[in-house]
Amino acid sequence: QVQVVESGGGSVQVGESLRLSCAASGSGFSFLSLGWYRQAPGKQRELVAYAKSTEGPEYSDSVKGRFTFSRDKNTATLQMNSLKSEDTATYYCRVRAARAGELSLYWGQGTQVTVSS
């Protein structure tokens, strides 16, 4: 099994910054991709940013230029600048992992980000 642990959420004002962190662990697993998704109340979960192990990050249009995603093997961070009220959501780290030829998807428990004006 893979464990996914997120940290760094909180409450901030519009225009401020937050940094989210994600760490994946699991014996014998290769972590093929790590990414951040978010889900606001009453809305579907959506991609924020992710990166495969061999490629650079990709971002949703709504966060380009404001958020920066970085990963290093089994950890991923999301630096969120110039936050807007519409960024308010629960943020989830998603990990695609492989072991012995099998692919699996794992989610963290979620961390709340609240942006108020």
N, C-alpha and C. Protein backbone atom coordinates (compact mmCIF):
# COMPACT_ATOMS: atom_id res chain seq x y z
N GLN A 1 0.83 -1.21 0.00
CA GLN A 1 0.00 0.00 0.00
C GLN A 1 0.86 1.25 0.00
N VAL A 2 0.32 2.29 -0.57
CA VAL A 2 0.99 3.59 -0.61
C VAL A 2 0.28 4.53 0.36
N GLN A 3 1.05 5.22 1.14
CA GLN A 3 0.50 6.26 2.00
C GLN A 3 0.78 7.62 1.39
N VAL A 4 -0.23 8.48 1.40
CA VAL A 4 -0.11 9.82 0.84
C VAL A 4 -0.47 10.81 1.95
N VAL A 5 0.46 11.66 2.30
CA VAL A 5 0.25 12.59 3.40
C VAL A 5 0.40 14.01 2.90
N GLU A 6 -0.63 14.81 3.11
CA GLU A 6 -0.63 16.21 2.67
C GLU A 6 -0.52 17.12 3.89
N SER A 7 -0.02 18.31 3.65
CA SER A 7 0.04 19.31 4.70
C SER A 7 0.08 20.69 4.07
N GLY A 8 -0.21 21.70 4.88
CA GLY A 8 0.00 23.07 4.45
C GLY A 8 -1.25 23.88 4.14
N GLY A 9 -2.42 23.33 4.26
CA GLY A 9 -3.61 24.13 4.00
C GLY A 9 -3.83 25.17 5.08
N GLY A 10 -4.85 26.00 4.88
CA GLY A 10 -5.16 27.01 5.88
C GLY A 10 -6.10 28.06 5.33
N SER A 11 -6.25 29.12 6.09
CA SER A 11 -7.12 30.24 5.71
C SER A 11 -6.29 31.48 5.50
N VAL A 12 -6.49 32.12 4.35
CA VAL A 12 -5.74 33.33 4.01
C VAL A 12 -6.67 34.35 3.37
N GLN A 13 -6.13 35.54 3.17
CA GLN A 13 -6.87 36.58 2.48
C GLN A 13 -6.55 36.55 1.00
N VAL A 14 -7.44 37.15 0.22
CA VAL A 14 -7.20 37.27 -1.22
C VAL A 14 -5.84 37.94 -1.47
N GLY A 15 -5.09 37.37 -2.40
CA GLY A 15 -3.79 37.93 -2.75
C GLY A 15 -2.63 37.33 -1.99
N GLU A 16 -2.93 36.61 -0.92
CA GLU A 16 -1.86 35.99 -0.12
C GLU A 16 -1.43 34.65 -0.72
N SER A 17 -0.50 34.00 -0.02
CA SER A 17 0.09 32.76 -0.54
C SER A 17 -0.04 31.63 0.46
N LEU A 18 -0.01 30.42 -0.06
CA LEU A 18 0.06 29.21 0.73
C LEU A 18 0.92 28.20 -0.01
N ARG A 19 1.47 27.28 0.77
CA ARG A 19 2.29 26.23 0.18
C ARG A 19 1.79 24.89 0.69
N LEU A 20 1.45 24.01 -0.25
CA LEU A 20 1.00 22.66 0.10
C LEU A 20 2.12 21.66 -0.17
N SER A 21 2.18 20.65 0.67
CA SER A 21 3.18 19.60 0.49
C SER A 21 2.50 18.24 0.50
N CYS A 22 3.10 17.32 -0.25
CA CYS A 22 2.59 15.96 -0.34
C CYS A 22 3.77 15.01 -0.31
N ALA A 23 3.64 13.96 0.47
CA ALA A 23 4.70 12.95 0.53
C ALA A 23 4.07 11.58 0.37
N ALA A 24 4.61 10.81 -0.56
CA ALA A 24 4.13 9.45 -0.80
C ALA A 24 5.17 8.45 -0.32
N SER A 25 4.70 7.36 0.25
CA SER A 25 5.62 6.32 0.71
C SER A 25 4.98 4.96 0.52
N GLY A 26 5.83 3.98 0.27
CA GLY A 26 5.34 2.62 0.09
C GLY A 26 6.47 1.73 -0.37
N SER A 27 6.67 0.65 0.29
CA SER A 27 7.79 -0.22 0.00
C SER A 27 7.67 -0.85 -1.39
N GLY A 28 8.70 -0.71 -2.19
CA GLY A 28 8.75 -1.35 -3.49
C GLY A 28 8.01 -0.62 -4.60
N PHE A 29 7.43 0.52 -4.30
CA PHE A 29 6.67 1.25 -5.32
C PHE A 29 7.54 2.26 -6.06
N SER A 30 7.23 2.43 -7.34
CA SER A 30 7.74 3.54 -8.12
C SER A 30 6.60 4.54 -8.27
N PHE A 31 6.92 5.81 -8.09
CA PHE A 31 5.88 6.83 -8.15
C PHE A 31 5.93 7.50 -9.52
N LEU A 32 4.99 7.11 -10.37
CA LEU A 32 5.02 7.52 -11.77
C LEU A 32 4.58 8.97 -11.95
N SER A 33 3.63 9.39 -11.18
CA SER A 33 3.19 10.78 -11.26
C SER A 33 2.62 11.19 -9.92
N LEU A 34 2.77 12.46 -9.63
CA LEU A 34 2.15 13.08 -8.46
C LEU A 34 1.42 14.31 -8.94
N GLY A 35 0.29 14.58 -8.33
CA GLY A 35 -0.47 15.74 -8.76
C GLY A 35 -1.38 16.26 -7.67
N TRP A 36 -1.82 17.48 -7.87
CA TRP A 36 -2.77 18.12 -6.96
C TRP A 36 -4.11 18.32 -7.68
N TYR A 37 -5.17 17.96 -7.01
CA TYR A 37 -6.52 18.18 -7.47
C TYR A 37 -7.25 18.96 -6.39
N ARG A 38 -8.38 19.55 -6.75
CA ARG A 38 -9.16 20.26 -5.74
C ARG A 38 -10.64 20.07 -6.00
N GLN A 39 -11.39 20.21 -4.93
CA GLN A 39 -12.84 20.07 -5.03
C GLN A 39 -13.50 21.10 -4.14
N ALA A 40 -14.26 21.98 -4.78
CA ALA A 40 -15.03 22.97 -4.05
C ALA A 40 -16.42 22.41 -3.76
N PRO A 41 -17.09 22.92 -2.75
CA PRO A 41 -18.43 22.42 -2.41
C PRO A 41 -19.37 22.49 -3.60
N GLY A 42 -20.03 21.39 -3.89
CA GLY A 42 -20.99 21.35 -4.98
C GLY A 42 -20.39 21.23 -6.36
N LYS A 43 -19.08 21.08 -6.43
CA LYS A 43 -18.41 20.99 -7.73
C LYS A 43 -17.64 19.67 -7.84
N GLN A 44 -17.30 19.33 -9.07
CA GLN A 44 -16.51 18.12 -9.30
C GLN A 44 -15.05 18.37 -8.97
N ARG A 45 -14.37 17.30 -8.65
CA ARG A 45 -12.93 17.41 -8.40
C ARG A 45 -12.24 17.73 -9.72
N GLU A 46 -11.28 18.66 -9.67
CA GLU A 46 -10.60 19.09 -10.89
C GLU A 46 -9.09 19.08 -10.69
N LEU A 47 -8.41 18.93 -11.81
CA LEU A 47 -6.95 18.94 -11.79
C LEU A 47 -6.44 20.35 -11.54
N VAL A 48 -5.42 20.46 -10.72
CA VAL A 48 -4.75 21.74 -10.51
C VAL A 48 -3.39 21.71 -11.20
N ALA A 49 -2.59 20.72 -10.87
CA ALA A 49 -1.26 20.59 -11.48
C ALA A 49 -0.74 19.19 -11.20
N TYR A 50 0.06 18.68 -12.12
CA TYR A 50 0.67 17.37 -11.89
C TYR A 50 1.92 17.24 -12.72
N ALA A 51 2.71 16.24 -12.40
CA ALA A 51 3.91 15.96 -13.19
C ALA A 51 4.21 14.47 -13.15
N LYS A 52 4.55 13.94 -14.31
CA LYS A 52 5.07 12.58 -14.38
C LYS A 52 6.53 12.61 -13.96
N SER A 53 7.09 11.45 -13.72
CA SER A 53 8.46 11.39 -13.24
C SER A 53 9.47 11.88 -14.27
N THR A 54 9.09 11.83 -15.55
CA THR A 54 10.05 12.20 -16.60
C THR A 54 9.68 13.47 -17.34
N GLU A 55 8.65 14.16 -16.90
CA GLU A 55 8.19 15.34 -17.62
C GLU A 55 7.98 16.51 -16.67
N GLY A 56 7.91 17.69 -17.25
CA GLY A 56 7.65 18.89 -16.47
C GLY A 56 6.19 18.99 -16.07
N PRO A 57 5.88 19.90 -15.17
CA PRO A 57 4.52 20.01 -14.67
C PRO A 57 3.54 20.57 -15.70
N GLU A 58 2.30 20.19 -15.55
CA GLU A 58 1.21 20.75 -16.33
C GLU A 58 0.21 21.37 -15.36
N TYR A 59 -0.40 22.44 -15.80
CA TYR A 59 -1.30 23.22 -14.94
C TYR A 59 -2.66 23.40 -15.59
N SER A 60 -3.66 23.56 -14.75
CA SER A 60 -4.94 23.98 -15.29
C SER A 60 -4.84 25.45 -15.65
N ASP A 61 -5.65 25.88 -16.59
CA ASP A 61 -5.60 27.28 -17.03
C ASP A 61 -5.91 28.24 -15.89
N SER A 62 -6.72 27.82 -14.96
CA SER A 62 -7.15 28.71 -13.89
C SER A 62 -6.04 29.06 -12.90
N VAL A 63 -4.96 28.29 -12.91
CA VAL A 63 -3.88 28.56 -11.94
C VAL A 63 -2.56 28.92 -12.60
N LYS A 64 -2.49 28.84 -13.92
CA LYS A 64 -1.23 29.16 -14.61
C LYS A 64 -0.77 30.57 -14.26
N GLY A 65 0.51 30.69 -13.97
CA GLY A 65 1.07 31.98 -13.64
C GLY A 65 0.96 32.34 -12.17
N ARG A 66 0.15 31.61 -11.43
CA ARG A 66 -0.01 31.89 -10.00
C ARG A 66 0.50 30.75 -9.12
N PHE A 67 0.32 29.53 -9.59
CA PHE A 67 0.73 28.35 -8.83
C PHE A 67 1.98 27.76 -9.46
N THR A 68 2.84 27.22 -8.61
CA THR A 68 4.03 26.53 -9.08
C THR A 68 4.09 25.15 -8.45
N PHE A 69 4.16 24.15 -9.30
CA PHE A 69 4.23 22.76 -8.85
C PHE A 69 5.65 22.25 -8.99
N SER A 70 6.12 21.56 -7.98
CA SER A 70 7.43 20.94 -8.09
C SER A 70 7.38 19.57 -7.41
N ARG A 71 8.18 18.65 -7.94
CA ARG A 71 8.24 17.34 -7.34
C ARG A 71 9.67 16.82 -7.33
N ASP A 72 9.93 15.97 -6.38
CA ASP A 72 11.24 15.36 -6.25
C ASP A 72 11.02 13.94 -5.79
N LYS A 73 11.04 12.99 -6.74
CA LYS A 73 10.83 11.57 -6.46
C LYS A 73 9.45 11.35 -5.83
N ASN A 74 9.40 11.28 -4.52
CA ASN A 74 8.13 10.95 -3.88
C ASN A 74 7.48 12.12 -3.15
N THR A 75 7.94 13.32 -3.40
CA THR A 75 7.32 14.48 -2.75
C THR A 75 6.90 15.50 -3.80
N ALA A 76 5.88 16.23 -3.47
CA ALA A 76 5.39 17.26 -4.38
C ALA A 76 4.95 18.46 -3.56
N THR A 77 5.24 19.63 -4.08
CA THR A 77 4.79 20.85 -3.42
C THR A 77 4.00 21.70 -4.40
N LEU A 78 3.11 22.49 -3.86
CA LEU A 78 2.32 23.40 -4.67
C LEU A 78 2.40 24.77 -4.01
N GLN A 79 3.15 25.66 -4.62
CA GLN A 79 3.25 27.02 -4.14
C GLN A 79 2.13 27.82 -4.79
N MET A 80 1.27 28.36 -3.95
CA MET A 80 0.09 29.07 -4.46
C MET A 80 0.22 30.55 -4.10
N ASN A 81 0.38 31.37 -5.11
CA ASN A 81 0.49 32.81 -4.92
C ASN A 81 -0.73 33.51 -5.49
N SER A 82 -0.90 34.75 -5.10
CA SER A 82 -2.02 35.56 -5.60
C SER A 82 -3.34 34.80 -5.52
N LEU A 83 -3.61 34.26 -4.37
CA LEU A 83 -4.80 33.43 -4.21
C LEU A 83 -6.07 34.24 -4.38
N LYS A 84 -7.05 33.58 -4.97
CA LYS A 84 -8.36 34.19 -5.21
C LYS A 84 -9.41 33.43 -4.40
N SER A 85 -10.55 34.05 -4.23
CA SER A 85 -11.61 33.39 -3.48
C SER A 85 -12.05 32.11 -4.16
N GLU A 86 -11.96 32.08 -5.48
CA GLU A 86 -12.37 30.87 -6.21
C GLU A 86 -11.38 29.72 -6.07
N ASP A 87 -10.26 29.96 -5.43
CA ASP A 87 -9.32 28.88 -5.14
C ASP A 87 -9.72 28.11 -3.89
N THR A 88 -10.73 28.60 -3.19
CA THR A 88 -11.20 27.92 -1.99
C THR A 88 -11.71 26.53 -2.35
N ALA A 89 -11.14 25.52 -1.70
CA ALA A 89 -11.49 24.13 -1.99
C ALA A 89 -10.71 23.21 -1.05
N THR A 90 -11.08 21.95 -1.10
CA THR A 90 -10.24 20.93 -0.47
C THR A 90 -9.27 20.44 -1.53
N TYR A 91 -8.00 20.46 -1.21
CA TYR A 91 -6.95 20.07 -2.15
C TYR A 91 -6.48 18.66 -1.81
N TYR A 92 -6.38 17.84 -2.85
CA TYR A 92 -6.00 16.44 -2.69
C TYR A 92 -4.75 16.15 -3.51
N CYS A 93 -3.87 15.39 -2.93
CA CYS A 93 -2.70 14.89 -3.65
C CYS A 93 -3.05 13.52 -4.22
N ARG A 94 -2.74 13.32 -5.48
CA ARG A 94 -2.99 12.03 -6.12
C ARG A 94 -1.66 11.45 -6.60
N VAL A 95 -1.50 10.19 -6.35
CA VAL A 95 -0.26 9.50 -6.70
C VAL A 95 -0.57 8.30 -7.57
N ARG A 96 0.11 8.22 -8.70
CA ARG A 96 0.02 7.02 -9.54
C ARG A 96 1.30 6.24 -9.30
N ALA A 97 1.14 5.01 -8.84
CA ALA A 97 2.30 4.22 -8.44
C ALA A 97 2.29 2.86 -9.12
N ALA A 98 3.47 2.28 -9.24
CA ALA A 98 3.60 0.97 -9.86
C ALA A 98 4.47 0.07 -8.99
N ARG A 99 4.08 -1.21 -8.96
CA ARG A 99 4.89 -2.20 -8.26
C ARG A 99 4.62 -3.55 -8.89
N ALA A 100 5.67 -4.24 -9.25
CA ALA A 100 5.56 -5.58 -9.86
C ALA A 100 4.64 -5.56 -11.07
N GLY A 101 4.73 -4.50 -11.87
CA GLY A 101 3.96 -4.44 -13.09
C GLY A 101 2.52 -3.98 -12.93
N GLU A 102 2.11 -3.70 -11.73
CA GLU A 102 0.73 -3.26 -11.50
C GLU A 102 0.68 -1.78 -11.20
N LEU A 103 -0.30 -1.11 -11.81
CA LEU A 103 -0.49 0.32 -11.59
C LEU A 103 -1.64 0.54 -10.62
N SER A 104 -1.45 1.52 -9.73
CA SER A 104 -2.50 1.84 -8.78
C SER A 104 -2.55 3.34 -8.56
N LEU A 105 -3.72 3.81 -8.13
CA LEU A 105 -3.93 5.23 -7.89
C LEU A 105 -4.26 5.42 -6.41
N TYR A 106 -3.62 6.41 -5.80
CA TYR A 106 -3.84 6.67 -4.39
C TYR A 106 -4.12 8.16 -4.18
N TRP A 107 -4.98 8.43 -3.21
CA TRP A 107 -5.33 9.81 -2.86
C TRP A 107 -4.97 10.09 -1.40
N GLY A 108 -4.60 11.33 -1.15
CA GLY A 108 -4.43 11.76 0.22
C GLY A 108 -5.79 12.09 0.83
N GLN A 109 -5.75 12.47 2.09
CA GLN A 109 -6.99 12.72 2.82
C GLN A 109 -7.57 14.10 2.53
N GLY A 110 -6.78 14.95 1.91
CA GLY A 110 -7.25 16.30 1.58
C GLY A 110 -6.86 17.33 2.61
N THR A 111 -6.61 18.53 2.13
CA THR A 111 -6.29 19.64 3.02
C THR A 111 -7.08 20.86 2.57
N GLN A 112 -7.67 21.55 3.51
CA GLN A 112 -8.58 22.65 3.18
C GLN A 112 -7.82 23.94 2.94
N VAL A 113 -8.19 24.62 1.86
CA VAL A 113 -7.68 25.95 1.56
C VAL A 113 -8.88 26.89 1.48
N THR A 114 -8.86 27.92 2.30
CA THR A 114 -9.94 28.89 2.31
C THR A 114 -9.37 30.28 2.06
N VAL A 115 -9.88 30.94 1.03
CA VAL A 115 -9.41 32.27 0.66
C VAL A 115 -10.58 33.24 0.80
N SER A 116 -10.43 34.22 1.65
CA SER A 116 -11.51 35.15 1.90
C SER A 116 -11.09 36.58 1.57
N SER A 117 -12.07 37.38 1.25
CA SER A 117 -11.78 38.78 0.89
C SER A 117 -12.00 39.70 2.07
